């Protein structure tokens, strides 16, 4: 998903001749860090502390992923609107 968002930002900005700053480049980093690296750390912690066998892990897992999806969706929406607004000013 991070690769797709990075590609989308580059092509979308190029298609609209946009060279300013927006939220779109940050989505690539956020998805990689919060979606991948965070859960790699959770795997290591689970090995040591058996986190997945806890009674609250499922609630945490689904809440975290729903929040991540909502965060990335809002960042993409804001970035698209920024690019489109910047392109319309020209």
C-alpha atoms as a PDB file:
ATOM      1  CA  UNK A   1       0.000   0.000   0.000  1.00  0.00           C
ATOM      2  CA  UNK A   2       2.880   2.364   0.755  1.00  0.00           C
ATOM      3  CA  UNK A   3       4.349   1.778  -2.694  1.00  0.00           C
ATOM      4  CA  UNK A   4       0.977   2.409  -4.345  1.00  0.00           C
ATOM      5  CA  UNK A   5       0.524   5.674  -2.442  1.00  0.00           C
ATOM      6  CA  UNK A   6       4.012   6.849  -3.354  1.00  0.00           C
ATOM      7  CA  UNK A   7       3.355   6.092  -7.020  1.00  0.00           C
ATOM      8  CA  UNK A   8      -0.077   7.768  -6.851  1.00  0.00           C
ATOM      9  CA  UNK A   9       1.399  10.945  -5.368  1.00  0.00           C
ATOM     10  CA  UNK A  10       4.097  11.199  -8.023  1.00  0.00           C
ATOM     11  CA  UNK A  11       1.781  10.595 -10.962  1.00  0.00           C
ATOM     12  CA  UNK A  12      -1.139  12.648  -9.621  1.00  0.00           C
ATOM     13  CA  UNK A  13       1.071  15.670  -8.919  1.00  0.00           C
ATOM     14  CA  UNK A  14       2.734  15.331 -12.327  1.00  0.00           C
ATOM     15  CA  UNK A  15      -0.630  15.070 -14.116  1.00  0.00           C
ATOM     16  CA  UNK A  16      -1.812  18.289 -12.462  1.00  0.00           C
ATOM     17  CA  UNK A  17       1.552  20.082 -12.816  1.00  0.00           C
ATOM     18  CA  UNK A  18       1.740  20.545  -9.039  1.00  0.00           C
ATOM     19  CA  UNK A  19       5.041  21.341  -7.343  1.00  0.00           C
ATOM     20  CA  UNK A  20       3.975  22.591  -3.910  1.00  0.00           C
ATOM     21  CA  UNK A  21       3.648  20.692  -0.663  1.00  0.00           C
ATOM     22  CA  UNK A  22       0.711  18.479   0.280  1.00  0.00           C
ATOM     23  CA  UNK A  23      -0.185  15.553   2.532  1.00  0.00           C
ATOM     24  CA  UNK A  24       0.301  12.986  -0.233  1.00  0.00           C
ATOM     25  CA  UNK A  25       4.055  12.355   0.182  1.00  0.00           C
ATOM     26  CA  UNK A  26       3.556  11.791   3.919  1.00  0.00           C
ATOM     27  CA  UNK A  27       0.987   9.039   3.325  1.00  0.00           C
ATOM     28  CA  UNK A  28       3.687   6.795   1.868  1.00  0.00           C
ATOM     29  CA  UNK A  29       5.795   7.154   5.018  1.00  0.00           C
ATOM     30  CA  UNK A  30       2.858   6.813   7.403  1.00  0.00           C
ATOM     31  CA  UNK A  31       1.630   3.593   5.823  1.00  0.00           C
ATOM     32  CA  UNK A  32       5.088   2.053   5.901  1.00  0.00           C
ATOM     33  CA  UNK A  33       5.827   3.104   9.482  1.00  0.00           C
ATOM     34  CA  UNK A  34       2.424   2.609  11.089  1.00  0.00           C
ATOM     35  CA  UNK A  35       1.289  -0.339   8.999  1.00  0.00           C
ATOM     36  CA  UNK A  36       4.464  -2.367   8.662  1.00  0.00           C
ATOM     37  CA  UNK A  37       7.188  -1.350  11.089  1.00  0.00           C
ATOM     38  CA  UNK A  38       4.801  -1.037  14.028  1.00  0.00           C
ATOM     39  CA  UNK A  39       3.534  -4.597  13.602  1.00  0.00           C
ATOM     40  CA  UNK A  40       7.055  -5.938  13.172  1.00  0.00           C
ATOM     41  CA  UNK A  41       7.729  -4.504  16.642  1.00  0.00           C
ATOM     42  CA  UNK A  42       4.487  -6.072  17.914  1.00  0.00           C
ATOM     43  CA  UNK A  43       5.655  -9.475  16.611  1.00  0.00           C
ATOM     44  CA  UNK A  44       8.886  -9.168  18.609  1.00  0.00           C
ATOM     45  CA  UNK A  45       6.976  -8.101  21.721  1.00  0.00           C
ATOM     46  CA  UNK A  46       4.495 -10.938  21.241  1.00  0.00           C
ATOM     47  CA  UNK A  47       7.356 -13.416  21.204  1.00  0.00           C
ATOM     48  CA  UNK A  48       8.499 -12.107  24.599  1.00  0.00           C
ATOM     49  CA  UNK A  49       5.185 -11.315  26.317  1.00  0.00           C
ATOM     50  CA  UNK A  50       2.508 -13.358  24.453  1.00  0.00           C
ATOM     51  CA  UNK A  51       0.475 -10.268  23.623  1.00  0.00           C
ATOM     52  CA  UNK A  52      -1.849 -12.025  21.189  1.00  0.00           C
ATOM     53  CA  UNK A  53      -3.139 -14.343  23.890  1.00  0.00           C
ATOM     54  CA  UNK A  54      -4.348 -11.393  25.978  1.00  0.00           C
ATOM     55  CA  UNK A  55      -8.064 -10.742  26.121  1.00  0.00           C
ATOM     56  CA  UNK A  56      -7.794  -7.174  24.780  1.00  0.00           C
ATOM     57  CA  UNK A  57      -5.547  -7.852  21.787  1.00  0.00           C
ATOM     58  CA  UNK A  58      -8.390  -8.352  19.255  1.00  0.00           C
ATOM     59  CA  UNK A  59     -10.021  -5.079  20.286  1.00  0.00           C
ATOM     60  CA  UNK A  60      -6.666  -3.299  20.001  1.00  0.00           C
ATOM     61  CA  UNK A  61      -5.916  -4.877  16.620  1.00  0.00           C
ATOM     62  CA  UNK A  62      -9.200  -3.913  14.965  1.00  0.00           C
ATOM     63  CA  UNK A  63      -9.314  -0.448  16.525  1.00  0.00           C
ATOM     64  CA  UNK A  64      -5.739   0.274  15.486  1.00  0.00           C
ATOM     65  CA  UNK A  65      -6.300  -0.865  11.897  1.00  0.00           C
ATOM     66  CA  UNK A  66      -9.585   1.050  11.582  1.00  0.00           C
ATOM     67  CA  UNK A  67      -7.820   4.166  12.849  1.00  0.00           C
ATOM     68  CA  UNK A  68      -4.948   3.628  10.416  1.00  0.00           C
ATOM     69  CA  UNK A  69      -7.346   3.276   7.474  1.00  0.00           C
ATOM     70  CA  UNK A  70      -9.226   6.413   8.525  1.00  0.00           C
ATOM     71  CA  UNK A  71      -5.994   8.385   9.007  1.00  0.00           C
ATOM     72  CA  UNK A  72      -4.599   7.405   5.625  1.00  0.00           C
ATOM     73  CA  UNK A  73      -7.945   8.056   3.888  1.00  0.00           C
ATOM     74  CA  UNK A  74      -8.140  11.565   5.356  1.00  0.00           C
ATOM     75  CA  UNK A  75      -4.503  12.284   4.448  1.00  0.00           C
ATOM     76  CA  UNK A  76      -5.122  11.178   0.863  1.00  0.00           C
ATOM     77  CA  UNK A  77      -8.341  13.212   0.626  1.00  0.00           C
ATOM     78  CA  UNK A  78      -6.622  16.325   2.009  1.00  0.00           C
ATOM     79  CA  UNK A  79      -3.646  15.834  -0.300  1.00  0.00           C
ATOM     80  CA  UNK A  80      -5.845  15.424  -3.372  1.00  0.00           C
ATOM     81  CA  UNK A  81      -7.797  18.573  -2.514  1.00  0.00           C
ATOM     82  CA  UNK A  82      -4.524  20.475  -2.001  1.00  0.00           C
ATOM     83  CA  UNK A  83      -3.171  19.357  -5.366  1.00  0.00           C
ATOM     84  CA  UNK A  84      -6.424  20.172  -7.146  1.00  0.00           C
ATOM     85  CA  UNK A  85      -6.650  23.608  -5.482  1.00  0.00           C
ATOM     86  CA  UNK A  86      -3.022  24.362  -6.381  1.00  0.00           C
ATOM     87  CA  UNK A  87      -3.591  23.247  -9.969  1.00  0.00           C
ATOM     88  CA  UNK A  88      -6.690  25.410 -10.344  1.00  0.00           C
ATOM     89  CA  UNK A  89      -4.822  28.579  -9.281  1.00  0.00           C
ATOM     90  CA  UNK A  90      -2.602  28.445 -12.362  1.00  0.00           C
END
